N, C-alpha and C. Protein backbone atom coordinates (compact mmCIF):
# COMPACT_ATOMS: atom_id res chain seq x y z
N UNK A 1 0.82 -1.16 0.00
CA UNK A 1 0.00 0.00 0.00
C UNK A 1 0.87 1.24 0.00
N UNK A 2 1.99 1.16 0.74
CA UNK A 2 2.90 2.30 0.72
C UNK A 2 3.45 2.52 -0.68
N UNK A 3 3.66 1.44 -1.39
CA UNK A 3 4.18 1.56 -2.76
C UNK A 3 3.18 2.24 -3.65
N UNK A 4 1.94 1.89 -3.52
CA UNK A 4 0.94 2.50 -4.39
C UNK A 4 0.74 3.98 -4.04
N UNK A 5 0.82 4.31 -2.74
CA UNK A 5 0.71 5.73 -2.35
C UNK A 5 1.89 6.52 -2.88
N UNK A 6 3.06 5.95 -2.79
CA UNK A 6 4.26 6.63 -3.29
C UNK A 6 4.17 6.80 -4.80
N UNK A 7 3.66 5.79 -5.47
CA UNK A 7 3.52 5.87 -6.92
C UNK A 7 2.51 6.96 -7.30
N UNK A 8 1.39 7.02 -6.58
CA UNK A 8 0.38 8.05 -6.86
C UNK A 8 0.92 9.45 -6.57
N UNK A 9 1.70 9.58 -5.50
CA UNK A 9 2.28 10.89 -5.17
C UNK A 9 3.22 11.33 -6.28
N UNK A 10 4.02 10.40 -6.78
CA UNK A 10 4.97 10.74 -7.82
C UNK A 10 4.24 11.15 -9.10
N UNK A 11 3.17 10.51 -9.43
CA UNK A 11 2.39 10.84 -10.63
C UNK A 11 1.79 12.24 -10.48
N UNK A 12 1.30 12.56 -9.29
CA UNK A 12 0.70 13.88 -9.08
C UNK A 12 1.74 14.98 -8.98
N UNK A 13 2.91 14.73 -8.52
CA UNK A 13 3.92 15.77 -8.40
C UNK A 13 4.74 15.94 -9.67
N UNK A 14 4.79 14.99 -10.54
CA UNK A 14 5.54 15.09 -11.79
C UNK A 14 4.65 15.76 -12.84
N UNK A 15 4.88 17.06 -13.11
CA UNK A 15 4.06 17.82 -14.06
C UNK A 15 4.85 18.19 -15.31
N UNK A 16 5.84 17.42 -15.66
CA UNK A 16 6.68 17.76 -16.82
C UNK A 16 5.89 17.74 -18.11
N UNK A 17 4.94 16.91 -18.28
CA UNK A 17 4.12 16.89 -19.50
C UNK A 17 3.24 18.12 -19.62
N UNK A 18 2.67 18.54 -18.52
CA UNK A 18 1.79 19.73 -18.53
C UNK A 18 2.62 20.98 -18.77
N UNK A 19 3.79 21.09 -18.18
CA UNK A 19 4.66 22.24 -18.37
C UNK A 19 5.08 22.34 -19.84
N UNK A 20 5.41 21.23 -20.46
CA UNK A 20 5.77 21.22 -21.89
C UNK A 20 4.62 21.67 -22.75
N UNK A 21 3.37 21.23 -22.41
CA UNK A 21 2.19 21.62 -23.18
C UNK A 21 1.92 23.12 -23.01
N UNK A 22 2.03 23.64 -21.79
CA UNK A 22 1.84 25.08 -21.55
C UNK A 22 2.88 25.91 -22.29
N UNK A 23 4.11 25.45 -22.29
CA UNK A 23 5.17 26.16 -23.00
C UNK A 23 4.90 26.18 -24.50
N UNK A 24 4.43 25.09 -25.02
CA UNK A 24 4.11 25.03 -26.46
C UNK A 24 2.97 25.98 -26.80
N UNK A 25 1.95 26.05 -25.96
CA UNK A 25 0.81 26.96 -26.19
C UNK A 25 1.29 28.41 -26.14
N UNK A 26 2.11 28.74 -25.16
CA UNK A 26 2.63 30.11 -25.03
C UNK A 26 3.50 30.45 -26.23
N UNK A 27 4.32 29.52 -26.66
CA UNK A 27 5.18 29.76 -27.83
C UNK A 27 4.36 29.99 -29.09
N UNK A 28 3.34 29.17 -29.27
CA UNK A 28 2.45 29.35 -30.44
C UNK A 28 1.74 30.70 -30.37
N UNK A 29 1.30 31.10 -29.18
CA UNK A 29 0.64 32.40 -29.02
C UNK A 29 1.60 33.53 -29.35
N UNK A 30 2.87 33.43 -28.90
CA UNK A 30 3.86 34.46 -29.24
C UNK A 30 4.09 34.54 -30.74
N UNK A 31 4.18 33.41 -31.40
CA UNK A 31 4.40 33.39 -32.86
C UNK A 31 3.21 34.03 -33.59
N UNK A 32 2.00 33.71 -33.16
CA UNK A 32 0.81 34.28 -33.80
C UNK A 32 0.75 35.79 -33.58
N UNK A 33 0.99 36.22 -32.34
CA UNK A 33 0.96 37.66 -32.04
C UNK A 33 2.06 38.37 -32.83
N UNK A 34 3.24 37.78 -32.91
CA UNK A 34 4.34 38.41 -33.65
C UNK A 34 4.02 38.50 -35.14
N UNK A 35 3.40 37.45 -35.69
CA UNK A 35 3.08 37.50 -37.12
C UNK A 35 1.98 38.53 -37.41
N UNK A 36 1.00 38.63 -36.52
CA UNK A 36 -0.05 39.66 -36.69
C UNK A 36 0.57 41.05 -36.58
N UNK A 37 1.44 41.26 -35.60
CA UNK A 37 2.10 42.55 -35.44
C UNK A 37 2.95 42.88 -36.67
N UNK A 38 3.68 41.90 -37.18
CA UNK A 38 4.50 42.12 -38.38
C UNK A 38 3.63 42.47 -39.57
N UNK A 39 2.49 41.80 -39.71
CA UNK A 39 1.58 42.11 -40.81
C UNK A 39 1.05 43.53 -40.69
N UNK A 40 0.69 43.94 -39.50
CA UNK A 40 0.18 45.30 -39.28
C UNK A 40 1.27 46.33 -39.60
N UNK A 41 2.48 46.09 -39.14
CA UNK A 41 3.58 47.02 -39.39
C UNK A 41 3.87 47.11 -40.89
N UNK A 42 3.93 45.98 -41.57
CA UNK A 42 4.19 45.99 -43.01
C UNK A 42 3.07 46.66 -43.78
N UNK A 43 1.83 46.38 -43.42
CA UNK A 43 0.69 47.01 -44.10
C UNK A 43 0.71 48.52 -43.92
N UNK A 44 0.98 48.95 -42.69
CA UNK A 44 1.05 50.38 -42.41
C UNK A 44 2.19 51.03 -43.19
N UNK A 45 3.33 50.36 -43.23
CA UNK A 45 4.46 50.90 -43.98
C UNK A 45 4.18 50.99 -45.47
N UNK A 46 3.56 49.96 -46.03
CA UNK A 46 3.22 50.00 -47.45
C UNK A 46 2.18 51.07 -47.74
N UNK A 47 1.19 51.21 -46.85
CA UNK A 47 0.17 52.24 -47.04
C UNK A 47 0.80 53.63 -46.98
N UNK A 48 1.70 53.83 -46.00
CA UNK A 48 2.38 55.14 -45.88
C UNK A 48 3.24 55.43 -47.10
N UNK A 49 3.94 54.42 -47.58
CA UNK A 49 4.77 54.61 -48.77
C UNK A 49 3.92 54.96 -49.98
N UNK A 50 2.77 54.32 -50.11
CA UNK A 50 1.87 54.61 -51.24
C UNK A 50 1.33 56.04 -51.16
N UNK A 51 0.95 56.46 -49.96
CA UNK A 51 0.46 57.83 -49.78
C UNK A 51 1.56 58.84 -50.06
N UNK A 52 2.78 58.52 -49.64
CA UNK A 52 3.91 59.40 -49.92
C UNK A 52 4.16 59.51 -51.42
N UNK A 53 4.05 58.40 -52.12
CA UNK A 53 4.24 58.40 -53.57
C UNK A 53 3.16 59.24 -54.25
N UNK A 54 1.92 59.11 -53.80
CA UNK A 54 0.84 59.92 -54.37
C UNK A 54 1.10 61.41 -54.14
N UNK A 55 1.58 61.77 -52.96
CA UNK A 55 1.87 63.17 -52.66
C UNK A 55 2.98 63.70 -53.55
N UNK A 56 4.02 62.91 -53.75
CA UNK A 56 5.13 63.33 -54.61
C UNK A 56 4.65 63.54 -56.04
N UNK A 57 3.85 62.59 -56.55
CA UNK A 57 3.35 62.72 -57.93
C UNK A 57 2.41 63.92 -58.08
N UNK A 58 1.59 64.18 -57.06
CA UNK A 58 0.71 65.35 -57.12
C UNK A 58 1.53 66.64 -57.13
N UNK A 59 2.59 66.69 -56.33
CA UNK A 59 3.46 67.86 -56.32
C UNK A 59 4.17 68.04 -57.64
N UNK A 60 4.64 66.95 -58.23
CA UNK A 60 5.29 67.04 -59.55
C UNK A 60 4.33 67.53 -60.61
N UNK A 61 3.10 67.02 -60.58
CA UNK A 61 2.12 67.46 -61.58
C UNK A 61 1.82 68.94 -61.43
N UNK A 62 1.72 69.40 -60.19
CA UNK A 62 1.45 70.82 -59.96
C UNK A 62 2.63 71.67 -60.43
N UNK A 63 3.83 71.23 -60.13
CA UNK A 63 5.02 71.99 -60.53
C UNK A 63 5.23 71.97 -62.03
N UNK A 64 4.89 70.86 -62.68
CA UNK A 64 5.15 70.76 -64.11
C UNK A 64 4.09 71.47 -64.95
N UNK A 65 3.04 71.99 -64.35
CA UNK A 65 2.03 72.70 -65.10
C UNK A 65 2.24 74.20 -65.11
N UNK A 66 3.36 74.67 -64.61
CA UNK A 66 3.57 76.11 -64.46
C UNK A 66 3.89 76.80 -65.78
N UNK A 67 3.50 78.05 -65.83
CA UNK A 67 3.75 78.91 -66.99
C UNK A 67 4.73 79.99 -66.59
N UNK A 68 5.33 80.63 -67.60
CA UNK A 68 6.23 81.73 -67.32
C UNK A 68 6.11 82.79 -68.41
N UNK A 69 6.43 84.03 -68.03
CA UNK A 69 6.46 85.13 -68.99
C UNK A 69 7.81 85.09 -69.67
N UNK A 70 7.79 85.15 -70.99
CA UNK A 70 9.03 85.15 -71.76
C UNK A 70 9.20 86.54 -72.38
N UNK A 71 10.08 87.34 -71.82
CA UNK A 71 10.29 88.69 -72.33
C UNK A 71 9.55 89.72 -71.49
N UNK A 72 9.43 90.90 -72.06
CA UNK A 72 8.81 92.03 -71.35
C UNK A 72 7.31 92.05 -71.55
N UNK A 73 6.64 92.79 -70.71
CA UNK A 73 5.22 93.07 -70.86
C UNK A 73 5.12 94.44 -71.52
N UNK A 74 4.37 94.52 -72.60
CA UNK A 74 4.26 95.76 -73.37
C UNK A 74 2.88 96.37 -73.21
N UNK A 75 2.83 97.65 -72.87
CA UNK A 75 1.57 98.38 -72.78
C UNK A 75 1.52 99.33 -73.96
N UNK A 76 0.40 99.29 -74.69
CA UNK A 76 0.27 100.13 -75.89
C UNK A 76 -0.98 100.99 -75.77
N UNK A 77 -0.76 102.30 -75.85
CA UNK A 77 -1.87 103.25 -75.87
C UNK A 77 -2.36 103.29 -77.31
N UNK A 78 -3.19 102.30 -77.68
CA UNK A 78 -3.55 102.05 -79.07
C UNK A 78 -4.46 103.12 -79.66
N UNK A 79 -5.37 103.60 -78.88
CA UNK A 79 -6.28 104.64 -79.38
C UNK A 79 -5.54 105.98 -79.38
N UNK A 80 -6.26 107.04 -79.54
CA UNK A 80 -5.65 108.36 -79.46
C UNK A 80 -5.03 108.49 -78.07
N UNK A 81 -3.72 108.77 -77.98
CA UNK A 81 -3.07 108.83 -76.67
C UNK A 81 -3.78 109.80 -75.73
N UNK A 82 -4.20 109.25 -74.59
CA UNK A 82 -4.97 110.05 -73.63
C UNK A 82 -4.22 110.26 -72.32
N UNK A 83 -3.08 109.64 -72.17
CA UNK A 83 -2.35 109.76 -70.91
C UNK A 83 -2.77 108.72 -69.89
N UNK A 84 -3.74 107.89 -70.23
CA UNK A 84 -4.14 106.76 -69.38
C UNK A 84 -4.34 105.54 -70.28
N UNK A 85 -4.27 104.38 -69.69
CA UNK A 85 -4.51 103.13 -70.40
C UNK A 85 -5.89 102.64 -69.98
N UNK A 86 -6.78 102.47 -70.97
CA UNK A 86 -8.14 102.04 -70.67
C UNK A 86 -8.52 100.86 -71.55
N UNK A 87 -9.82 100.56 -71.62
CA UNK A 87 -10.29 99.37 -72.34
C UNK A 87 -10.06 99.44 -73.85
N UNK A 88 -9.76 100.63 -74.40
CA UNK A 88 -9.46 100.75 -75.82
C UNK A 88 -8.00 100.41 -76.11
N UNK A 89 -7.18 100.29 -75.09
CA UNK A 89 -5.75 100.03 -75.25
C UNK A 89 -5.48 98.55 -74.96
N UNK A 90 -4.21 98.14 -75.07
CA UNK A 90 -3.93 96.73 -74.80
C UNK A 90 -2.60 96.52 -74.10
N UNK A 91 -2.52 95.36 -73.47
CA UNK A 91 -1.33 94.92 -72.77
C UNK A 91 -0.95 93.58 -73.37
N UNK A 92 0.32 93.44 -73.78
CA UNK A 92 0.77 92.20 -74.44
C UNK A 92 1.95 91.61 -73.67
N UNK A 93 1.95 90.28 -73.60
CA UNK A 93 3.09 89.56 -73.03
C UNK A 93 3.17 88.19 -73.69
N UNK A 94 4.38 87.62 -73.67
CA UNK A 94 4.59 86.31 -74.25
C UNK A 94 4.54 85.26 -73.15
N UNK A 95 3.81 84.19 -73.43
CA UNK A 95 3.60 83.12 -72.46
C UNK A 95 4.26 81.85 -72.96
N UNK A 96 5.02 81.19 -72.08
CA UNK A 96 5.70 79.94 -72.42
C UNK A 96 5.53 78.96 -71.27
N UNK A 97 5.78 77.69 -71.56
CA UNK A 97 5.78 76.65 -70.53
C UNK A 97 7.08 76.71 -69.75
N UNK A 98 7.01 76.50 -68.46
CA UNK A 98 8.23 76.38 -67.67
C UNK A 98 8.96 75.11 -68.10
N UNK A 99 10.24 75.04 -67.83
CA UNK A 99 11.04 73.89 -68.25
C UNK A 99 10.42 72.59 -67.74
N UNK A 100 10.18 71.67 -68.66
CA UNK A 100 9.61 70.38 -68.30
C UNK A 100 8.13 70.42 -67.97
N UNK A 101 7.46 71.50 -68.30
CA UNK A 101 6.04 71.62 -67.97
C UNK A 101 5.14 70.82 -68.89
N UNK A 102 3.96 70.47 -68.38
CA UNK A 102 2.96 69.78 -69.17
C UNK A 102 2.31 70.76 -70.14
N UNK A 103 1.78 70.29 -71.25
CA UNK A 103 1.04 71.18 -72.16
C UNK A 103 -0.18 71.78 -71.45
N UNK A 104 -0.44 73.05 -71.75
CA UNK A 104 -1.56 73.78 -71.13
C UNK A 104 -2.42 74.35 -72.24
N UNK A 105 -3.74 74.17 -72.13
CA UNK A 105 -4.67 74.73 -73.11
C UNK A 105 -4.80 76.23 -72.90
N UNK A 106 -4.54 76.99 -73.96
CA UNK A 106 -4.70 78.45 -73.93
C UNK A 106 -5.69 78.79 -75.03
N UNK A 107 -6.97 78.77 -74.68
CA UNK A 107 -8.03 79.00 -75.65
C UNK A 107 -9.04 79.97 -75.04
N UNK A 108 -9.08 81.22 -75.53
CA UNK A 108 -10.01 82.19 -74.94
C UNK A 108 -11.48 81.81 -75.11
N UNK A 109 -11.79 80.98 -76.12
CA UNK A 109 -13.18 80.59 -76.36
C UNK A 109 -13.63 79.41 -75.49
N UNK A 110 -12.69 78.69 -74.90
CA UNK A 110 -13.03 77.52 -74.09
C UNK A 110 -13.64 77.95 -72.76
N UNK A 111 -14.58 77.15 -72.28
CA UNK A 111 -15.23 77.45 -71.01
C UNK A 111 -14.71 76.58 -69.87
N UNK A 112 -13.96 75.52 -70.20
CA UNK A 112 -13.37 74.66 -69.16
C UNK A 112 -11.97 74.25 -69.59
N UNK A 113 -11.14 73.91 -68.60
CA UNK A 113 -9.79 73.38 -68.82
C UNK A 113 -8.92 74.27 -69.71
N UNK A 114 -9.03 75.55 -69.55
CA UNK A 114 -8.18 76.49 -70.29
C UNK A 114 -7.67 77.55 -69.32
N UNK A 115 -6.67 78.28 -69.78
CA UNK A 115 -6.11 79.36 -68.98
C UNK A 115 -7.16 80.45 -68.76
N UNK A 116 -7.22 80.96 -67.53
CA UNK A 116 -8.10 82.08 -67.18
C UNK A 116 -7.20 83.22 -66.73
N UNK A 117 -7.52 84.44 -67.17
CA UNK A 117 -6.74 85.61 -66.77
C UNK A 117 -7.63 86.54 -65.95
N UNK A 118 -7.15 86.89 -64.76
CA UNK A 118 -7.86 87.82 -63.87
C UNK A 118 -7.10 89.15 -63.83
N UNK A 119 -7.84 90.24 -63.67
CA UNK A 119 -7.28 91.59 -63.64
C UNK A 119 -7.43 92.17 -62.24
N UNK A 120 -6.35 92.77 -61.71
CA UNK A 120 -6.41 93.42 -60.40
C UNK A 120 -5.71 94.76 -60.52
N UNK A 121 -6.40 95.83 -60.11
CA UNK A 121 -5.78 97.14 -60.00
C UNK A 121 -6.40 97.86 -58.80
N UNK A 122 -6.11 99.15 -58.66
CA UNK A 122 -6.60 99.89 -57.49
C UNK A 122 -8.11 100.05 -57.49
N UNK A 123 -8.74 99.99 -58.67
CA UNK A 123 -10.18 100.19 -58.74
C UNK A 123 -11.00 98.91 -58.58
N UNK A 124 -10.47 97.79 -59.09
CA UNK A 124 -11.30 96.58 -59.11
C UNK A 124 -10.46 95.32 -59.27
N UNK A 125 -11.12 94.22 -59.00
CA UNK A 125 -10.60 92.89 -59.34
C UNK A 125 -11.64 92.25 -60.23
N UNK A 126 -11.25 91.95 -61.47
CA UNK A 126 -12.17 91.38 -62.45
C UNK A 126 -11.67 89.99 -62.81
N UNK A 127 -12.53 89.01 -62.61
CA UNK A 127 -12.18 87.63 -62.93
C UNK A 127 -12.52 87.31 -64.39
N UNK A 128 -11.69 86.48 -64.99
CA UNK A 128 -11.91 85.95 -66.35
C UNK A 128 -12.10 87.07 -67.38
N UNK A 129 -11.07 87.90 -67.53
CA UNK A 129 -11.13 88.96 -68.53
C UNK A 129 -10.93 88.38 -69.93
N UNK A 130 -11.38 89.10 -70.91
CA UNK A 130 -11.24 88.67 -72.30
C UNK A 130 -9.80 88.86 -72.74
N UNK A 131 -9.29 87.88 -73.48
CA UNK A 131 -7.93 87.98 -74.02
C UNK A 131 -7.89 87.31 -75.39
N UNK A 132 -6.86 87.65 -76.15
CA UNK A 132 -6.65 87.01 -77.45
C UNK A 132 -5.27 86.37 -77.46
N UNK A 133 -5.10 85.39 -78.34
CA UNK A 133 -3.86 84.64 -78.43
C UNK A 133 -3.33 84.71 -79.86
N UNK A 134 -2.04 85.04 -79.98
CA UNK A 134 -1.33 84.97 -81.26
C UNK A 134 -0.22 83.96 -81.08
N UNK A 135 -0.19 82.94 -81.94
CA UNK A 135 0.82 81.89 -81.83
C UNK A 135 2.09 82.35 -82.53
N UNK A 136 3.15 82.57 -81.76
CA UNK A 136 4.43 83.02 -82.32
C UNK A 136 5.26 81.81 -82.74
N UNK A 137 5.42 80.87 -81.84
CA UNK A 137 6.12 79.62 -82.13
C UNK A 137 5.21 78.47 -81.73
N UNK A 138 5.11 77.47 -82.62
CA UNK A 138 4.31 76.30 -82.26
C UNK A 138 3.43 75.84 -83.41
N UNK A 139 2.66 74.81 -83.13
CA UNK A 139 1.78 74.26 -84.14
C UNK A 139 0.43 74.98 -84.10
N UNK A 140 -0.58 74.39 -84.73
CA UNK A 140 -1.86 75.10 -84.89
C UNK A 140 -2.86 74.82 -83.78
N UNK A 141 -2.55 73.90 -82.87
CA UNK A 141 -3.52 73.63 -81.81
C UNK A 141 -3.43 74.69 -80.71
N UNK A 142 -4.34 74.59 -79.74
CA UNK A 142 -4.40 75.56 -78.65
C UNK A 142 -3.61 75.13 -77.42
N UNK A 143 -2.79 74.09 -77.56
CA UNK A 143 -1.97 73.62 -76.45
C UNK A 143 -0.64 74.36 -76.46
N UNK A 144 -0.31 74.97 -75.35
CA UNK A 144 1.00 75.59 -75.17
C UNK A 144 1.93 74.50 -74.67
N UNK A 145 2.80 74.03 -75.55
CA UNK A 145 3.69 72.92 -75.24
C UNK A 145 5.11 73.43 -75.08
N UNK A 146 5.99 72.56 -74.61
CA UNK A 146 7.39 72.93 -74.42
C UNK A 146 7.98 73.40 -75.74
N UNK A 147 8.64 74.55 -75.72
CA UNK A 147 9.25 75.12 -76.92
C UNK A 147 8.34 76.03 -77.71
N UNK A 148 7.07 76.12 -77.32
CA UNK A 148 6.14 77.00 -78.02
C UNK A 148 6.04 78.34 -77.29
N UNK A 149 5.56 79.35 -78.02
CA UNK A 149 5.45 80.70 -77.47
C UNK A 149 4.16 81.33 -77.99
N UNK A 150 3.31 81.77 -77.07
CA UNK A 150 2.05 82.43 -77.42
C UNK A 150 2.10 83.88 -76.93
N UNK A 151 1.62 84.80 -77.78
CA UNK A 151 1.49 86.19 -77.36
C UNK A 151 0.06 86.41 -76.89
N UNK A 152 -0.08 86.88 -75.67
CA UNK A 152 -1.39 87.12 -75.06
C UNK A 152 -1.64 88.63 -75.06
N UNK A 153 -2.83 89.02 -75.51
CA UNK A 153 -3.23 90.43 -75.51
C UNK A 153 -4.44 90.60 -74.62
N UNK A 154 -4.33 91.51 -73.65
CA UNK A 154 -5.39 91.78 -72.68
C UNK A 154 -5.66 93.27 -72.69
N UNK A 155 -6.93 93.64 -72.59
CA UNK A 155 -7.29 95.06 -72.43
C UNK A 155 -7.81 95.26 -71.02
N UNK A 156 -7.50 96.39 -70.40
CA UNK A 156 -8.08 96.66 -69.07
C UNK A 156 -9.61 96.56 -69.15
N UNK A 157 -10.23 95.87 -68.22
CA UNK A 157 -11.68 95.65 -68.32
C UNK A 157 -12.50 96.88 -67.95
N UNK A 158 -13.61 97.03 -68.63
CA UNK A 158 -14.64 98.03 -68.30
C UNK A 158 -14.13 99.40 -67.97
N UNK A 159 -14.40 99.83 -66.76
CA UNK A 159 -14.06 101.19 -66.33
C UNK A 159 -12.68 101.30 -65.71
N UNK A 160 -11.91 100.22 -65.70
CA UNK A 160 -10.56 100.28 -65.13
C UNK A 160 -9.64 101.08 -66.04
N UNK A 161 -8.91 102.01 -65.45
CA UNK A 161 -7.92 102.78 -66.20
C UNK A 161 -6.61 102.77 -65.42
N UNK A 162 -5.53 102.79 -66.16
CA UNK A 162 -4.20 102.84 -65.54
C UNK A 162 -3.59 104.20 -65.79
N UNK A 163 -3.26 104.89 -64.73
CA UNK A 163 -2.61 106.19 -64.83
C UNK A 163 -1.13 106.01 -64.48
N UNK A 164 -0.39 107.10 -64.46
CA UNK A 164 1.03 107.04 -64.14
C UNK A 164 1.23 106.50 -62.73
N UNK A 165 2.30 105.73 -62.57
CA UNK A 165 2.71 105.14 -61.28
C UNK A 165 1.68 104.20 -60.65
N UNK A 166 0.71 103.76 -61.41
CA UNK A 166 -0.31 102.87 -60.86
C UNK A 166 0.14 101.42 -61.00
N UNK A 167 -0.18 100.62 -60.00
CA UNK A 167 0.20 99.20 -59.97
C UNK A 167 -0.99 98.37 -60.45
N UNK A 168 -0.69 97.36 -61.28
CA UNK A 168 -1.73 96.42 -61.70
C UNK A 168 -1.13 95.01 -61.72
N UNK A 169 -2.01 94.03 -61.63
CA UNK A 169 -1.59 92.62 -61.62
C UNK A 169 -2.47 91.82 -62.56
N UNK A 170 -1.83 90.95 -63.33
CA UNK A 170 -2.54 89.97 -64.13
C UNK A 170 -2.29 88.61 -63.51
N UNK A 171 -3.35 87.90 -63.17
CA UNK A 171 -3.25 86.53 -62.66
C UNK A 171 -3.53 85.58 -63.82
N UNK A 172 -2.53 84.81 -64.20
CA UNK A 172 -2.71 83.82 -65.26
C UNK A 172 -2.89 82.47 -64.56
N UNK A 173 -4.11 81.94 -64.62
CA UNK A 173 -4.47 80.73 -63.87
C UNK A 173 -4.65 79.56 -64.83
N UNK A 174 -3.70 78.62 -64.87
CA UNK A 174 -3.87 77.44 -65.72
C UNK A 174 -4.82 76.44 -65.05
N UNK A 175 -5.36 75.49 -65.82
CA UNK A 175 -6.25 74.51 -65.21
C UNK A 175 -5.54 73.61 -64.19
N UNK A 176 -4.24 73.43 -64.33
CA UNK A 176 -3.45 72.68 -63.35
C UNK A 176 -2.14 73.40 -63.17
N UNK A 177 -1.58 73.30 -62.00
CA UNK A 177 -0.32 73.99 -61.73
C UNK A 177 -0.54 75.28 -60.99
N UNK A 178 0.56 76.00 -60.78
CA UNK A 178 0.52 77.23 -60.00
C UNK A 178 0.07 78.43 -60.81
N UNK A 179 -0.45 79.42 -60.11
CA UNK A 179 -0.89 80.66 -60.74
C UNK A 179 0.32 81.55 -61.01
N UNK A 180 0.36 82.14 -62.20
CA UNK A 180 1.42 83.07 -62.57
C UNK A 180 0.92 84.48 -62.30
N UNK A 181 1.61 85.20 -61.42
CA UNK A 181 1.25 86.58 -61.09
C UNK A 181 2.19 87.52 -61.85
N UNK A 182 1.62 88.38 -62.67
CA UNK A 182 2.40 89.38 -63.41
C UNK A 182 2.04 90.73 -62.80
N UNK A 183 2.94 91.25 -61.98
CA UNK A 183 2.71 92.49 -61.24
C UNK A 183 3.60 93.57 -61.83
N UNK A 184 3.02 94.66 -62.30
CA UNK A 184 3.79 95.74 -62.92
C UNK A 184 3.30 97.09 -62.39
N UNK A 185 4.20 98.10 -62.50
CA UNK A 185 3.88 99.48 -62.13
C UNK A 185 4.02 100.34 -63.37
N UNK A 186 3.02 101.16 -63.61
CA UNK A 186 3.06 102.06 -64.76
C UNK A 186 4.18 103.09 -64.55
N UNK A 187 4.83 103.54 -65.63
CA UNK A 187 5.92 104.51 -65.50
C UNK A 187 5.39 105.91 -65.14
N UNK A 188 6.30 106.83 -64.81
CA UNK A 188 5.89 108.20 -64.45
C UNK A 188 5.30 108.98 -65.63
N UNK A 189 5.60 108.57 -66.85
CA UNK A 189 5.02 109.21 -68.03
C UNK A 189 4.53 108.12 -68.97
N UNK A 190 3.37 108.32 -69.57
CA UNK A 190 2.78 107.30 -70.44
C UNK A 190 3.07 107.65 -71.89
N UNK A 191 3.77 106.73 -72.58
CA UNK A 191 4.07 106.86 -74.00
C UNK A 191 3.11 106.00 -74.79
N UNK A 192 3.24 106.04 -76.12
CA UNK A 192 2.37 105.22 -76.97
C UNK A 192 2.66 103.74 -76.77
N UNK A 193 3.95 103.37 -76.66
CA UNK A 193 4.34 101.97 -76.42
C UNK A 193 5.36 101.98 -75.28
N UNK A 194 5.11 101.11 -74.28
CA UNK A 194 6.00 101.03 -73.12
C UNK A 194 6.28 99.58 -72.80
N UNK A 195 7.55 99.26 -72.56
CA UNK A 195 7.94 97.93 -72.10
C UNK A 195 8.10 97.98 -70.60
N UNK A 196 7.33 97.17 -69.89
CA UNK A 196 7.42 97.12 -68.43
C UNK A 196 8.10 95.81 -68.06
N UNK A 197 9.30 95.89 -67.55
CA UNK A 197 10.09 94.68 -67.23
C UNK A 197 9.76 94.18 -65.85
C-alpha cells in the first residue's frame, strides 16, 4: 500500500508533461501575435509609402504645369493717346511653358480646362477677362507645349484705367499647376508703347 501511495504521489507531483504543453501553447501564441504585429507594421508601412508616392506625384504634376512670362510686358496706348490706359488700349506679353512643364490649353473661347486671366488694380478685381492669343512659335492647336510661345493680348476691363505710377496685376491661372502673377507698375510718363520689365 505504501508503494501505491508513493507511486500516486509521484504521478501527481511530476508535471513535466503539462509544463511542456503550456510552453508550447505560449510559444504558439507568441508566434501568432508576432506575425499579426509584423503584418500590421508591413501594411502600415506599405500604405504610408503609397500615400507618400501619391503626394510626390501630385506635387510634380502641380510643378510641371507652371507657366512663365518670356520677355517684357508691353503696354500700348492704341487709341488716341490720352495719358491713361483704358479698355481701348492693350497689354501684351509672351507666355511659355516652364522647363519640363505639361502642355496647357490656352483657348479664350473655351469654357473649361483652359487658362483664365484675372485683372487686379486699385479700382477693381475682375475675374476671367477677355484675351486674345497669337501663336508666335508652335503648331496650330491651342496647347501651349514645351518650346512654343504664345502672345497674349489683354485690355483693361470696363471702367478700369491705368494712370502714371499705378500698380496692376494679371493673374494667369492654368487649369493645373501654380498661378502666374504678373505684377507691374506704370511709368511716371505714359508713352504710346511702353515695355514694363
